[in-house]
Amino acid sequence: MNRRAPRPLSLALATLSARLEPASKLAAIQGCWETVVGEAIAQRAQPVAERSGVLEIACEDAVWAAELELMGPQLVVALNDAVGGVELRSVRVRADAARGARRSPDFG
């Protein structure tokens, strides 16, 4: 019986991590979104699409949309840094009333 030497664990982990990587730019951005923008923004806005370097973000209301639009250049830099290989150029933010309606009201 011929046995080969054991493979280094690092090779097995590299193969596994390559399979687990997000399949799209949007998935990679969504994966690090809360870390990059913080919990407060992540609860009120989510990246929903990416096309040709433009990230579309849906917010619960127009006030958050306006705020994120102003933060757009900083978001582009932070997201490009967080997700290597993604080359965002800009963000487009929209208020999504349906998203806000899904949240339970605060009675505090």
PDB file of N, CA and C in Angstrom:
ATOM      1  N   MET A   1       0.840  -1.170   0.000  1.00  0.00           N
ATOM      2  CA  MET A   1       0.000   0.000   0.000  1.00  0.00           C
ATOM      3  C   MET A   1       0.893   1.244   0.000  1.00  0.00           C
ATOM      4  N   ASN A   2       0.693   2.073  -0.998  1.00  0.00           N
ATOM      5  CA  ASN A   2       1.465   3.300  -1.135  1.00  0.00           C
ATOM      6  C   ASN A   2       0.654   4.479  -0.621  1.00  0.00           C
ATOM      7  N   ARG A   3       1.173   5.219   0.315  1.00  0.00           N
ATOM      8  CA  ARG A   3       0.488   6.408   0.824  1.00  0.00           C
ATOM      9  C   ARG A   3       1.319   7.632   0.504  1.00  0.00           C
ATOM     10  N   ARG A   4       0.604   8.656   0.078  1.00  0.00           N
ATOM     11  CA  ARG A   4       1.291   9.915  -0.162  1.00  0.00           C
ATOM     12  C   ARG A   4       1.409  10.663   1.159  1.00  0.00           C
ATOM     13  N   ALA A   5       2.351  11.547   1.201  1.00  0.00           N
ATOM     14  CA  ALA A   5       2.528  12.370   2.401  1.00  0.00           C
ATOM     15  C   ALA A   5       1.300  13.257   2.568  1.00  0.00           C
ATOM     16  N   PRO A   6       0.953  13.585   3.786  1.00  0.00           N
ATOM     17  CA  PRO A   6      -0.203  14.468   4.004  1.00  0.00           C
ATOM     18  C   PRO A   6       0.029  15.832   3.344  1.00  0.00           C
ATOM     19  N   ARG A   7      -1.054  16.379   2.839  1.00  0.00           N
ATOM     20  CA  ARG A   7      -0.979  17.720   2.247  1.00  0.00           C
ATOM     21  C   ARG A   7      -0.974  18.761   3.352  1.00  0.00           C
ATOM     22  N   PRO A   8      -0.266  19.834   3.166  1.00  0.00           N
ATOM     23  CA  PRO A   8      -0.311  20.894   4.181  1.00  0.00           C
ATOM     24  C   PRO A   8      -1.729  21.448   4.318  1.00  0.00           C
ATOM     25  N   LEU A   9      -2.116  21.751   5.519  1.00  0.00           N
ATOM     26  CA  LEU A   9      -3.443  22.286   5.792  1.00  0.00           C
ATOM     27  C   LEU A   9      -3.674  23.598   5.041  1.00  0.00           C
ATOM     28  N   SER A  10      -2.629  24.375   4.856  1.00  0.00           N
ATOM     29  CA  SER A  10      -2.775  25.666   4.163  1.00  0.00           C
ATOM     30  C   SER A  10      -3.295  25.484   2.735  1.00  0.00           C
ATOM     31  N   LEU A  11      -2.919  24.407   2.060  1.00  0.00           N
ATOM     32  CA  LEU A  11      -3.421  24.163   0.702  1.00  0.00           C
ATOM     33  C   LEU A  11      -4.913  23.852   0.716  1.00  0.00           C
ATOM     34  N   ALA A  12      -5.321  23.045   1.666  1.00  0.00           N
ATOM     35  CA  ALA A  12      -6.742  22.715   1.778  1.00  0.00           C
ATOM     36  C   ALA A  12      -7.560  23.950   2.116  1.00  0.00           C
ATOM     37  N   LEU A  13      -7.050  24.784   3.016  1.00  0.00           N
ATOM     38  CA  LEU A  13      -7.770  26.004   3.391  1.00  0.00           C
ATOM     39  C   LEU A  13      -7.824  27.007   2.241  1.00  0.00           C
ATOM     40  N   ALA A  14      -6.776  27.098   1.464  1.00  0.00           N
ATOM     41  CA  ALA A  14      -6.775  28.006   0.313  1.00  0.00           C
ATOM     42  C   ALA A  14      -7.827  27.578  -0.706  1.00  0.00           C
ATOM     43  N   THR A  15      -7.932  26.284  -0.943  1.00  0.00           N
ATOM     44  CA  THR A  15      -8.937  25.767  -1.870  1.00  0.00           C
ATOM     45  C   THR A  15     -10.345  26.049  -1.350  1.00  0.00           C
ATOM     46  N   LEU A  16     -10.553  25.817  -0.057  1.00  0.00           N
ATOM     47  CA  LEU A  16     -11.862  26.053   0.543  1.00  0.00           C
ATOM     48  C   LEU A  16     -12.224  27.529   0.504  1.00  0.00           C
ATOM     49  N   SER A  17     -11.297  28.405   0.865  1.00  0.00           N
ATOM     50  CA  SER A  17     -11.610  29.833   0.887  1.00  0.00           C
ATOM     51  C   SER A  17     -11.902  30.363  -0.505  1.00  0.00           C
ATOM     52  N   ALA A  18     -11.247  29.829  -1.527  1.00  0.00           N
ATOM     53  CA  ALA A  18     -11.533  30.253  -2.897  1.00  0.00           C
ATOM     54  C   ALA A  18     -12.963  29.893  -3.281  1.00  0.00           C
ATOM     55  N   ARG A  19     -13.444  28.757  -2.804  1.00  0.00           N
ATOM     56  CA  ARG A  19     -14.827  28.345  -3.098  1.00  0.00           C
ATOM     57  C   ARG A  19     -15.847  29.164  -2.331  1.00  0.00           C
ATOM     58  N   LEU A  20     -15.461  29.698  -1.187  1.00  0.00           N
ATOM     59  CA  LEU A  20     -16.389  30.440  -0.345  1.00  0.00           C
ATOM     60  C   LEU A  20     -16.443  31.931  -0.658  1.00  0.00           C
ATOM     61  N   GLU A  21     -15.555  32.415  -1.509  1.00  0.00           N
ATOM     62  CA  GLU A  21     -15.548  33.828  -1.853  1.00  0.00           C
ATOM     63  C   GLU A  21     -16.855  34.213  -2.534  1.00  0.00           C
ATOM     64  N   PRO A  22     -17.325  35.450  -2.290  1.00  0.00           N
ATOM     65  CA  PRO A  22     -18.555  35.891  -2.945  1.00  0.00           C
ATOM     66  C   PRO A  22     -18.435  35.801  -4.462  1.00  0.00           C
ATOM     67  N   ALA A  23     -19.527  35.440  -5.099  1.00  0.00           N
ATOM     68  CA  ALA A  23     -19.530  35.216  -6.537  1.00  0.00           C
ATOM     69  C   ALA A  23     -19.651  36.511  -7.342  1.00  0.00           C
ATOM     70  N   SER A  24     -20.009  37.613  -6.697  1.00  0.00           N
ATOM     71  CA  SER A  24     -20.175  38.863  -7.425  1.00  0.00           C
ATOM     72  C   SER A  24     -19.638  40.028  -6.610  1.00  0.00           C
ATOM     73  N   LYS A  25     -19.474  41.153  -7.288  1.00  0.00           N
ATOM     74  CA  LYS A  25     -19.037  42.365  -6.592  1.00  0.00           C
ATOM     75  C   LYS A  25     -20.065  42.765  -5.537  1.00  0.00           C
ATOM     76  N   LEU A  26     -21.331  42.678  -5.900  1.00  0.00           N
ATOM     77  CA  LEU A  26     -22.389  43.062  -4.967  1.00  0.00           C
ATOM     78  C   LEU A  26     -22.348  42.193  -3.719  1.00  0.00           C
ATOM     79  N   ALA A  27     -22.176  40.899  -3.884  1.00  0.00           N
ATOM     80  CA  ALA A  27     -22.112  40.003  -2.721  1.00  0.00           C
ATOM     81  C   ALA A  27     -20.932  40.346  -1.822  1.00  0.00           C
ATOM     82  N   ALA A  28     -19.802  40.693  -2.421  1.00  0.00           N
ATOM     83  CA  ALA A  28     -18.635  41.075  -1.636  1.00  0.00           C
ATOM     84  C   ALA A  28     -18.908  42.362  -0.855  1.00  0.00           C
ATOM     85  N   ILE A  29     -19.558  43.322  -1.498  1.00  0.00           N
ATOM     86  CA  ILE A  29     -19.889  44.587  -0.834  1.00  0.00           C
ATOM     87  C   ILE A  29     -20.897  44.347   0.277  1.00  0.00           C
ATOM     88  N   GLN A  30     -21.927  43.554   0.007  1.00  0.00           N
ATOM     89  CA  GLN A  30     -22.922  43.257   1.031  1.00  0.00           C
ATOM     90  C   GLN A  30     -22.290  42.553   2.224  1.00  0.00           C
ATOM     91  N   GLY A  31     -21.280  41.740   1.971  1.00  0.00           N
ATOM     92  CA  GLY A  31     -20.621  41.008   3.040  1.00  0.00           C
ATOM     93  C   GLY A  31     -19.872  41.891   4.014  1.00  0.00           C
ATOM     94  N   CYS A  32     -19.377  43.025   3.565  1.00  0.00           N
ATOM     95  CA  CYS A  32     -18.616  43.910   4.448  1.00  0.00           C
ATOM     96  C   CYS A  32     -19.358  45.210   4.750  1.00  0.00           C
ATOM     97  N   TRP A  33     -20.573  45.345   4.288  1.00  0.00           N
ATOM     98  CA  TRP A  33     -21.332  46.593   4.386  1.00  0.00           C
ATOM     99  C   TRP A  33     -21.402  47.126   5.818  1.00  0.00           C
ATOM    100  N   GLU A  34     -21.875  46.328   6.748  1.00  0.00           N
ATOM    101  CA  GLU A  34     -22.040  46.814   8.125  1.00  0.00           C
ATOM    102  C   GLU A  34     -20.702  47.201   8.745  1.00  0.00           C
ATOM    103  N   THR A  35     -19.667  46.451   8.464  1.00  0.00           N
ATOM    104  CA  THR A  35     -18.346  46.773   8.994  1.00  0.00           C
ATOM    105  C   THR A  35     -17.867  48.128   8.474  1.00  0.00           C
ATOM    106  N   VAL A  36     -18.119  48.405   7.217  1.00  0.00           N
ATOM    107  CA  VAL A  36     -17.644  49.642   6.596  1.00  0.00           C
ATOM    108  C   VAL A  36     -18.481  50.851   7.031  1.00  0.00           C
ATOM    109  N   VAL A  37     -19.805  50.718   7.025  1.00  0.00           N
ATOM    110  CA  VAL A  37     -20.659  51.885   7.286  1.00  0.00           C
ATOM    111  C   VAL A  37     -21.115  52.007   8.729  1.00  0.00           C
ATOM    112  N   GLY A  38     -21.029  50.945   9.490  1.00  0.00           N
ATOM    113  CA  GLY A  38     -21.490  50.974  10.872  1.00  0.00           C
ATOM    114  C   GLY A  38     -22.918  50.473  11.004  1.00  0.00           C
ATOM    115  N   GLU A  39     -23.260  50.100  12.217  1.00  0.00           N
ATOM    116  CA  GLU A  39     -24.569  49.479  12.474  1.00  0.00           C
ATOM    117  C   GLU A  39     -25.734  50.422  12.195  1.00  0.00           C
ATOM    118  N   ALA A  40     -25.609  51.702  12.573  1.00  0.00           N
ATOM    119  CA  ALA A  40     -26.718  52.648  12.406  1.00  0.00           C
ATOM    120  C   ALA A  40     -27.114  52.795  10.940  1.00  0.00           C
ATOM    121  N   ILE A  41     -26.133  52.947  10.070  1.00  0.00           N
ATOM    122  CA  ILE A  41     -26.433  53.095   8.644  1.00  0.00           C
ATOM    123  C   ILE A  41     -26.901  51.766   8.061  1.00  0.00           C
ATOM    124  N   ALA A  42     -26.261  50.675   8.455  1.00  0.00           N
ATOM    125  CA  ALA A  42     -26.612  49.361   7.912  1.00  0.00           C
ATOM    126  C   ALA A  42     -28.057  48.983   8.228  1.00  0.00           C
ATOM    127  N   GLN A  43     -28.595  49.467   9.340  1.00  0.00           N
ATOM    128  CA  GLN A  43     -29.990  49.179   9.676  1.00  0.00           C
ATOM    129  C   GLN A  43     -30.954  49.947   8.783  1.00  0.00           C
ATOM    130  N   ARG A  44     -30.496  51.041   8.192  1.00  0.00           N
ATOM    131  CA  ARG A  44     -31.378  51.909   7.429  1.00  0.00           C
ATOM    132  C   ARG A  44     -31.120  51.926   5.926  1.00  0.00           C
ATOM    133  N   ALA A  45     -30.011  51.320   5.510  1.00  0.00           N
ATOM    134  CA  ALA A  45     -29.663  51.345   4.085  1.00  0.00           C
ATOM    135  C   ALA A  45     -28.897  50.081   3.726  1.00  0.00           C
ATOM    136  N   GLN A  46     -29.156  49.575   2.525  1.00  0.00           N
ATOM    137  CA  GLN A  46     -28.495  48.358   2.050  1.00  0.00           C
ATOM    138  C   GLN A  46     -28.107  48.515   0.585  1.00  0.00           C
ATOM    139  N   PRO A  47     -26.945  47.999   0.211  1.00  0.00           N
ATOM    140  CA  PRO A  47     -26.599  47.962  -1.209  1.00  0.00           C
ATOM    141  C   PRO A  47     -27.475  46.914  -1.906  1.00  0.00           C
ATOM    142  N   VAL A  48     -28.091  47.307  -3.014  1.00  0.00           N
ATOM    143  CA  VAL A  48     -29.018  46.395  -3.684  1.00  0.00           C
ATOM    144  C   VAL A  48     -28.618  46.034  -5.108  1.00  0.00           C
ATOM    145  N   ALA A  49     -27.703  46.796  -5.705  1.00  0.00           N
ATOM    146  CA  ALA A  49     -27.279  46.496  -7.067  1.00  0.00           C
ATOM    147  C   ALA A  49     -25.927  47.150  -7.329  1.00  0.00           C
ATOM    148  N   GLU A  50     -25.198  46.575  -8.288  1.00  0.00           N
ATOM    149  CA  GLU A  50     -23.934  47.153  -8.734  1.00  0.00           C
ATOM    150  C   GLU A  50     -23.840  46.925 -10.229  1.00  0.00           C
ATOM    151  N   ARG A  51     -23.559  47.987 -10.952  1.00  0.00           N
ATOM    152  CA  ARG A  51     -23.427  47.855 -12.398  1.00  0.00           C
ATOM    153  C   ARG A  51     -22.400  48.864 -12.903  1.00  0.00           C
ATOM    154  N   SER A  52     -21.403  48.358 -13.572  1.00  0.00           N
ATOM    155  CA  SER A  52     -20.357  49.188 -14.178  1.00  0.00           C
ATOM    156  C   SER A  52     -19.732  50.169 -13.192  1.00  0.00           C
ATOM    157  N   GLY A  53     -19.510  49.710 -11.959  1.00  0.00           N
ATOM    158  CA  GLY A  53     -18.854  50.544 -10.964  1.00  0.00           C
ATOM    159  C   GLY A  53     -19.749  51.495 -10.210  1.00  0.00           C
ATOM    160  N   VAL A  54     -21.058  51.422 -10.447  1.00  0.00           N
ATOM    161  CA  VAL A  54     -22.010  52.273  -9.735  1.00  0.00           C
ATOM    162  C   VAL A  54     -22.795  51.391  -8.771  1.00  0.00           C
ATOM    163  N   LEU A  55     -22.695  51.716  -7.485  1.00  0.00           N
ATOM    164  CA  LEU A  55     -23.397  50.956  -6.449  1.00  0.00           C
ATOM    165  C   LEU A  55     -24.722  51.631  -6.143  1.00  0.00           C
ATOM    166  N   GLU A  56     -25.806  50.868  -6.207  1.00  0.00           N
ATOM    167  CA  GLU A  56     -27.119  51.394  -5.860  1.00  0.00           C
ATOM    168  C   GLU A  56     -27.439  51.000  -4.428  1.00  0.00           C
ATOM    169  N   ILE A  57     -27.842  52.004  -3.637  1.00  0.00           N
ATOM    170  CA  ILE A  57     -28.152  51.794  -2.229  1.00  0.00           C
ATOM    171  C   ILE A  57     -29.600  52.182  -1.996  1.00  0.00           C
ATOM    172  N   ALA A  58     -30.367  51.306  -1.345  1.00  0.00           N
ATOM    173  CA  ALA A  58     -31.755  51.587  -0.993  1.00  0.00           C
ATOM    174  C   ALA A  58     -31.805  51.975   0.476  1.00  0.00           C
ATOM    175  N   CYS A  59     -32.477  53.108   0.763  1.00  0.00           N
ATOM    176  CA  CYS A  59     -32.609  53.617   2.128  1.00  0.00           C
ATOM    177  C   CYS A  59     -34.067  53.607   2.540  1.00  0.00           C
ATOM    178  N   GLU A  60     -34.265  53.668   3.842  1.00  0.00           N
ATOM    179  CA  GLU A  60     -35.642  53.633   4.328  1.00  0.00           C
ATOM    180  C   GLU A  60     -36.386  54.940   4.107  1.00  0.00           C
ATOM    181  N   ASP A  61     -35.688  56.074   3.974  1.00  0.00           N
ATOM    182  CA  ASP A  61     -36.386  57.333   3.713  1.00  0.00           C
ATOM    183  C   ASP A  61     -35.460  58.340   3.024  1.00  0.00           C
ATOM    184  N   ALA A  62     -36.037  59.443   2.586  1.00  0.00           N
ATOM    185  CA  ALA A  62     -35.311  60.435   1.806  1.00  0.00           C
ATOM    186  C   ALA A  62     -34.205  61.124   2.599  1.00  0.00           C
ATOM    187  N   VAL A  63     -34.389  61.285   3.899  1.00  0.00           N
ATOM    188  CA  VAL A  63     -33.362  61.932   4.711  1.00  0.00           C
ATOM    189  C   VAL A  63     -32.084  61.102   4.704  1.00  0.00           C
ATOM    190  N   TRP A  64     -32.213  59.791   4.898  1.00  0.00           N
ATOM    191  CA  TRP A  64     -31.047  58.910   4.863  1.00  0.00           C
ATOM    192  C   TRP A  64     -30.451  58.869   3.453  1.00  0.00           C
ATOM    193  N   ALA A  65     -31.291  58.900   2.449  1.00  0.00           N
ATOM    194  CA  ALA A  65     -30.793  58.893   1.073  1.00  0.00           C
ATOM    195  C   ALA A  65     -29.940  60.136   0.813  1.00  0.00           C
ATOM    196  N   ALA A  66     -30.406  61.296   1.253  1.00  0.00           N
ATOM    197  CA  ALA A  66     -29.646  62.530   1.059  1.00  0.00           C
ATOM    198  C   ALA A  66     -28.316  62.478   1.812  1.00  0.00           C
ATOM    199  N   GLU A  67     -28.344  61.974   3.029  1.00  0.00           N
ATOM    200  CA  GLU A  67     -27.120  61.875   3.830  1.00  0.00           C
ATOM    201  C   GLU A  67     -26.095  60.951   3.166  1.00  0.00           C
ATOM    202  N   LEU A  68     -26.551  59.799   2.708  1.00  0.00           N
ATOM    203  CA  LEU A  68     -25.634  58.858   2.060  1.00  0.00           C
ATOM    204  C   LEU A  68     -25.136  59.382   0.721  1.00  0.00           C
ATOM    205  N   GLU A  69     -25.956  60.137   0.036  1.00  0.00           N
ATOM    206  CA  GLU A  69     -25.518  60.751  -1.225  1.00  0.00           C
ATOM    207  C   GLU A  69     -24.340  61.691  -0.950  1.00  0.00           C
ATOM    208  N   LEU A  70     -24.419  62.446   0.135  1.00  0.00           N
ATOM    209  CA  LEU A  70     -23.312  63.335   0.508  1.00  0.00           C
ATOM    210  C   LEU A  70     -22.064  62.552   0.914  1.00  0.00           C
ATOM    211  N   MET A  71     -22.273  61.397   1.519  1.00  0.00           N
ATOM    212  CA  MET A  71     -21.156  60.550   1.949  1.00  0.00           C
ATOM    213  C   MET A  71     -20.603  59.696   0.808  1.00  0.00           C
ATOM    214  N   GLY A  72     -21.208  59.772  -0.356  1.00  0.00           N
ATOM    215  CA  GLY A  72     -20.868  58.917  -1.486  1.00  0.00           C
ATOM    216  C   GLY A  72     -19.386  58.755  -1.768  1.00  0.00           C
ATOM    217  N   PRO A  73     -18.630  59.846  -1.926  1.00  0.00           N
ATOM    218  CA  PRO A  73     -17.197  59.685  -2.223  1.00  0.00           C
ATOM    219  C   PRO A  73     -16.434  58.921  -1.131  1.00  0.00           C
ATOM    220  N   GLN A  74     -16.762  59.181   0.130  1.00  0.00           N
ATOM    221  CA  GLN A  74     -16.099  58.454   1.217  1.00  0.00           C
ATOM    222  C   GLN A  74     -16.496  56.983   1.227  1.00  0.00           C
ATOM    223  N   LEU A  75     -17.758  56.701   0.916  1.00  0.00           N
ATOM    224  CA  LEU A  75     -18.217  55.312   0.854  1.00  0.00           C
ATOM    225  C   LEU A  75     -17.487  54.560  -0.259  1.00  0.00           C
ATOM    226  N   VAL A  76     -17.310  55.190  -1.398  1.00  0.00           N
ATOM    227  CA  VAL A  76     -16.618  54.553  -2.519  1.00  0.00           C
ATOM    228  C   VAL A  76     -15.201  54.167  -2.106  1.00  0.00           C
ATOM    229  N   VAL A  77     -14.481  55.089  -1.477  1.00  0.00           N
ATOM    230  CA  VAL A  77     -13.105  54.818  -1.055  1.00  0.00           C
ATOM    231  C   VAL A  77     -13.076  53.693  -0.021  1.00  0.00           C
ATOM    232  N   ALA A  78     -13.955  53.783   0.995  1.00  0.00           N
ATOM    233  CA  ALA A  78     -13.957  52.782   2.063  1.00  0.00           C
ATOM    234  C   ALA A  78     -14.328  51.397   1.549  1.00  0.00           C
ATOM    235  N   LEU A  79     -15.301  51.314   0.664  1.00  0.00           N
ATOM    236  CA  LEU A  79     -15.715  50.021   0.126  1.00  0.00           C
ATOM    237  C   LEU A  79     -14.657  49.437  -0.807  1.00  0.00           C
ATOM    238  N   ASN A  80     -14.033  50.279  -1.617  1.00  0.00           N
ATOM    239  CA  ASN A  80     -12.950  49.793  -2.480  1.00  0.00           C
ATOM    240  C   ASN A  80     -11.798  49.252  -1.638  1.00  0.00           C
ATOM    241  N   ASP A  81     -11.498  49.917  -0.522  1.00  0.00           N
ATOM    242  CA  ASP A  81     -10.434  49.441   0.367  1.00  0.00           C
ATOM    243  C   ASP A  81     -10.818  48.133   1.044  1.00  0.00           C
ATOM    244  N   ALA A  82     -12.082  48.019   1.459  1.00  0.00           N
ATOM    245  CA  ALA A  82     -12.531  46.833   2.194  1.00  0.00           C
ATOM    246  C   ALA A  82     -12.626  45.599   1.308  1.00  0.00           C
ATOM    247  N   VAL A  83     -12.979  45.788   0.047  1.00  0.00           N
ATOM    248  CA  VAL A  83     -13.171  44.669  -0.865  1.00  0.00           C
ATOM    249  C   VAL A  83     -12.165  44.809  -2.001  1.00  0.00           C
ATOM    250  N   GLY A  84     -11.062  44.127  -1.870  1.00  0.00           N
ATOM    251  CA  GLY A  84     -10.045  44.194  -2.919  1.00  0.00           C
ATOM    252  C   GLY A  84     -10.607  43.702  -4.242  1.00  0.00           C
ATOM    253  N   GLY A  85     -10.252  44.369  -5.309  1.00  0.00           N
ATOM    254  CA  GLY A  85     -10.687  43.937  -6.622  1.00  0.00           C
ATOM    255  C   GLY A  85     -11.976  44.576  -7.095  1.00  0.00           C
ATOM    256  N   VAL A  86     -12.724  45.189  -6.194  1.00  0.00           N
ATOM    257  CA  VAL A  86     -13.950  45.876  -6.588  1.00  0.00           C
ATOM    258  C   VAL A  86     -13.571  47.317  -6.893  1.00  0.00           C
ATOM    259  N   GLU A  87     -13.976  47.803  -8.028  1.00  0.00           N
ATOM    260  CA  GLU A  87     -13.633  49.162  -8.418  1.00  0.00           C
ATOM    261  C   GLU A  87     -14.895  49.994  -8.584  1.00  0.00           C
ATOM    262  N   LEU A  88     -15.421  50.450  -7.450  1.00  0.00           N
ATOM    263  CA  LEU A  88     -16.586  51.329  -7.493  1.00  0.00           C
ATOM    264  C   LEU A  88     -16.146  52.718  -7.919  1.00  0.00           C
ATOM    265  N   ARG A  89     -17.007  53.388  -8.688  1.00  0.00           N
ATOM    266  CA  ARG A  89     -16.735  54.759  -9.112  1.00  0.00           C
ATOM    267  C   ARG A  89     -17.657  55.739  -8.406  1.00  0.00           C
ATOM    268  N   SER A  90     -18.888  55.282  -8.110  1.00  0.00           N
ATOM    269  CA  SER A  90     -19.851  56.185  -7.487  1.00  0.00           C
ATOM    270  C   SER A  90     -20.975  55.372  -6.848  1.00  0.00           C
ATOM    271  N   VAL A  91     -21.807  56.089  -6.102  1.00  0.00           N
ATOM    272  CA  VAL A  91     -22.996  55.466  -5.529  1.00  0.00           C
ATOM    273  C   VAL A  91     -24.223  56.235  -6.008  1.00  0.00           C
ATOM    274  N   ARG A  92     -25.311  55.525  -6.109  1.00  0.00           N
ATOM    275  CA  ARG A  92     -26.609  56.119  -6.403  1.00  0.00           C
ATOM    276  C   ARG A  92     -27.527  55.665  -5.284  1.00  0.00           C
ATOM    277  N   VAL A  93     -28.145  56.613  -4.613  1.00  0.00           N
ATOM    278  CA  VAL A  93     -28.945  56.296  -3.439  1.00  0.00           C
ATOM    279  C   VAL A  93     -30.397  56.631  -3.727  1.00  0.00           C
ATOM    280  N   ARG A  94     -31.279  55.738  -3.300  1.00  0.00           N
ATOM    281  CA  ARG A  94     -32.709  55.990  -3.496  1.00  0.00           C
ATOM    282  C   ARG A  94     -33.463  55.694  -2.210  1.00  0.00           C
ATOM    283  N   ALA A  95     -34.495  56.469  -1.976  1.00  0.00           N
ATOM    284  CA  ALA A  95     -35.379  56.212  -0.844  1.00  0.00           C
ATOM    285  C   ALA A  95     -36.335  55.107  -1.254  1.00  0.00           C
ATOM    286  N   ASP A  96     -36.498  54.147  -0.394  1.00  0.00           N
ATOM    287  CA  ASP A  96     -37.339  52.985  -0.673  1.00  0.00           C
ATOM    288  C   ASP A  96     -38.390  52.898   0.423  1.00  0.00           C
ATOM    289  N   ALA A  97     -39.556  53.474   0.179  1.00  0.00           N
ATOM    290  CA  ALA A  97     -40.610  53.520   1.185  1.00  0.00           C
ATOM    291  C   ALA A  97     -41.005  52.129   1.654  1.00  0.00           C
ATOM    292  N   ALA A  98     -40.981  51.150   0.770  1.00  0.00           N
ATOM    293  CA  ALA A  98     -41.357  49.783   1.146  1.00  0.00           C
ATOM    294  C   ALA A  98     -40.379  49.225   2.168  1.00  0.00           C
ATOM    295  N   ARG A  99     -39.105  49.569   2.044  1.00  0.00           N
ATOM    296  CA  ARG A  99     -38.109  49.100   3.006  1.00  0.00           C
ATOM    297  C   ARG A  99     -38.421  49.641   4.391  1.00  0.00           C
ATOM    298  N   GLY A 100     -38.766  50.917   4.490  1.00  0.00           N
ATOM    299  CA  GLY A 100     -39.095  51.514   5.780  1.00  0.00           C
ATOM    300  C   GLY A 100     -40.374  50.939   6.359  1.00  0.00           C
ATOM    301  N   ALA A 101     -41.323  50.594   5.505  1.00  0.00           N
ATOM    302  CA  ALA A 101     -42.603  50.061   5.966  1.00  0.00           C
ATOM    303  C   ALA A 101     -42.440  48.671   6.576  1.00  0.00           C
ATOM    304  N   ARG A 102     -41.407  47.934   6.164  1.00  0.00           N
ATOM    305  CA  ARG A 102     -41.197  46.587   6.701  1.00  0.00           C
ATOM    306  C   ARG A 102     -40.687  46.619   8.128  1.00  0.00           C
ATOM    307  N   ARG A 103     -40.105  47.736   8.548  1.00  0.00           N
ATOM    308  CA  ARG A 103     -39.587  47.833   9.906  1.00  0.00           C
ATOM    309  C   ARG A 103     -40.741  48.000  10.874  1.00  0.00           C
ATOM    310  N   SER A 104     -40.583  47.469  12.053  1.00  0.00           N
ATOM    311  CA  SER A 104     -41.625  47.655  13.058  1.00  0.00           C
ATOM    312  C   SER A 104     -41.502  49.053  13.638  1.00  0.00           C
ATOM    313  N   PRO A 105     -42.616  49.678  13.972  1.00  0.00           N
ATOM    314  CA  PRO A 105     -42.564  51.047  14.495  1.00  0.00           C
ATOM    315  C   PRO A 105     -41.934  51.073  15.889  1.00  0.00           C
ATOM    316  N   ASP A 106     -41.267  52.199  16.184  1.00  0.00           N
ATOM    317  CA  ASP A 106     -40.686  52.389  17.506  1.00  0.00           C
ATOM    318  C   ASP A 106     -41.688  53.175  18.346  1.00  0.00           C
ATOM    319  N   PHE A 107     -42.042  52.638  19.468  1.00  0.00           N
ATOM    320  CA  PHE A 107     -43.013  53.306  20.320  1.00  0.00           C
ATOM    321  C   PHE A 107     -42.351  53.880  21.566  1.00  0.00           C
ATOM    322  N   GLY A 108     -40.960  53.954  21.533  1.00  0.00           N
ATOM    323  CA  GLY A 108     -40.217  54.373  22.698  1.00  0.00           C
ATOM    324  C   GLY A 108     -40.315  55.788  22.963  1.00  0.00           C
TER     325      GLY A 108
END
